[in-house]
Amino acid sequence: MDVGIPELIVILVIVMLLFGVGRLPEIGGALGKSVRNFKEEMRDDSEKPSEAEKKSDETDT
């Protein structure tokens, strides 16, 4: 199930009709910030040990 150029153009036209051309940069910026924050949180979570690991370390000693 590939999304090609014609499908992307149709999606872009529908988005432009729904939100208007003036709000597209605002929506794109908000979406970009959300994705960036999500990636940072995922990276932070993978660097820190989880609560379960901490509890198992405490019970082992």
C-alpha atoms as a PDB file:
ATOM      1  CA  MET A   1       0.000   0.000   0.000  1.00  0.00           C
ATOM      2  CA  ASP A   2       2.169   2.806  -1.306  1.00  0.00           C
ATOM      3  CA  VAL A   3       1.255   6.462  -1.157  1.00  0.00           C
ATOM      4  CA  GLY A   4       2.396   8.098  -4.357  1.00  0.00           C
ATOM      5  CA  ILE A   5       2.614  11.663  -5.580  1.00  0.00           C
ATOM      6  CA  PRO A   6      -1.004  11.829  -6.871  1.00  0.00           C
ATOM      7  CA  GLU A   7      -2.349  10.700  -3.501  1.00  0.00           C
ATOM      8  CA  LEU A   8      -0.193  13.252  -1.656  1.00  0.00           C
ATOM      9  CA  ILE A   9      -1.450  16.026  -3.936  1.00  0.00           C
ATOM     10  CA  VAL A  10      -5.069  15.060  -3.238  1.00  0.00           C
ATOM     11  CA  ILE A  11      -4.385  15.045   0.522  1.00  0.00           C
ATOM     12  CA  LEU A  12      -2.680  18.461   0.290  1.00  0.00           C
ATOM     13  CA  VAL A  13      -5.646  19.937  -1.624  1.00  0.00           C
ATOM     14  CA  ILE A  14      -8.107  18.596   0.954  1.00  0.00           C
ATOM     15  CA  VAL A  15      -6.026  20.023   3.819  1.00  0.00           C
ATOM     16  CA  MET A  16      -5.830  23.398   2.063  1.00  0.00           C
ATOM     17  CA  LEU A  17      -9.608  23.419   1.618  1.00  0.00           C
ATOM     18  CA  LEU A  18     -10.238  22.505   5.247  1.00  0.00           C
ATOM     19  CA  PHE A  19      -7.775  24.834   6.957  1.00  0.00           C
ATOM     20  CA  GLY A  20      -6.982  27.503   4.389  1.00  0.00           C
ATOM     21  CA  VAL A  21      -3.604  28.456   2.996  1.00  0.00           C
ATOM     22  CA  GLY A  22      -2.879  31.008   5.747  1.00  0.00           C
ATOM     23  CA  ARG A  23      -3.023  28.483   8.604  1.00  0.00           C
ATOM     24  CA  LEU A  24      -0.876  25.795   6.948  1.00  0.00           C
ATOM     25  CA  PRO A  25       2.476  27.190   8.207  1.00  0.00           C
ATOM     26  CA  GLU A  26       1.028  27.450  11.725  1.00  0.00           C
ATOM     27  CA  ILE A  27      -0.224  23.869  11.627  1.00  0.00           C
ATOM     28  CA  GLY A  28       3.057  22.635  10.155  1.00  0.00           C
ATOM     29  CA  GLY A  29       5.058  24.387  12.867  1.00  0.00           C
ATOM     30  CA  ALA A  30       2.902  22.935  15.626  1.00  0.00           C
ATOM     31  CA  LEU A  31       3.184  19.465  14.111  1.00  0.00           C
ATOM     32  CA  GLY A  32       6.959  19.811  13.831  1.00  0.00           C
ATOM     33  CA  LYS A  33       7.263  20.869  17.480  1.00  0.00           C
ATOM     34  CA  SER A  34       5.119  17.936  18.563  1.00  0.00           C
ATOM     35  CA  VAL A  35       7.228  15.440  16.650  1.00  0.00           C
ATOM     36  CA  ARG A  36      10.453  16.995  17.988  1.00  0.00           C
ATOM     37  CA  ASN A  37       9.182  16.835  21.593  1.00  0.00           C
ATOM     38  CA  PHE A  38       8.065  13.241  21.119  1.00  0.00           C
ATOM     39  CA  LYS A  39      11.484  12.213  19.790  1.00  0.00           C
ATOM     40  CA  GLU A  40      13.260  13.980  22.674  1.00  0.00           C
ATOM     41  CA  GLU A  41      11.063  12.229  25.244  1.00  0.00           C
ATOM     42  CA  MET A  42      11.626   8.847  23.597  1.00  0.00           C
ATOM     43  CA  ARG A  43      15.373   9.463  23.646  1.00  0.00           C
ATOM     44  CA  ASP A  44      15.279  10.549  27.303  1.00  0.00           C
ATOM     45  CA  ASP A  45      13.256   7.486  28.297  1.00  0.00           C
ATOM     46  CA  SER A  46      15.659   5.126  26.589  1.00  0.00           C
ATOM     47  CA  GLU A  47      18.656   6.692  28.385  1.00  0.00           C
ATOM     48  CA  LYS A  48      17.143   6.516  31.876  1.00  0.00           C
ATOM     49  CA  PRO A  49      16.559   3.161  33.568  1.00  0.00           C
ATOM     50  CA  SER A  50      12.921   2.318  34.004  1.00  0.00           C
ATOM     51  CA  GLU A  51      11.176   2.130  37.372  1.00  0.00           C
ATOM     52  CA  ALA A  52      10.948  -1.657  37.070  1.00  0.00           C
ATOM     53  CA  GLU A  53      14.708  -1.925  36.590  1.00  0.00           C
ATOM     54  CA  LYS A  54      15.309   0.297  39.621  1.00  0.00           C
ATOM     55  CA  LYS A  55      13.003  -1.828  41.792  1.00  0.00           C
ATOM     56  CA  SER A  56      14.621  -5.076  40.683  1.00  0.00           C
ATOM     57  CA  ASP A  57      18.068  -3.660  41.455  1.00  0.00           C
ATOM     58  CA  GLU A  58      16.914  -2.662  44.938  1.00  0.00           C
ATOM     59  CA  THR A  59      15.488  -6.102  45.733  1.00  0.00           C
ATOM     60  CA  ASP A  60      18.613  -7.893  44.463  1.00  0.00           C
ATOM     61  CA  THR A  61      20.939  -6.144  46.949  1.00  0.00           C
END
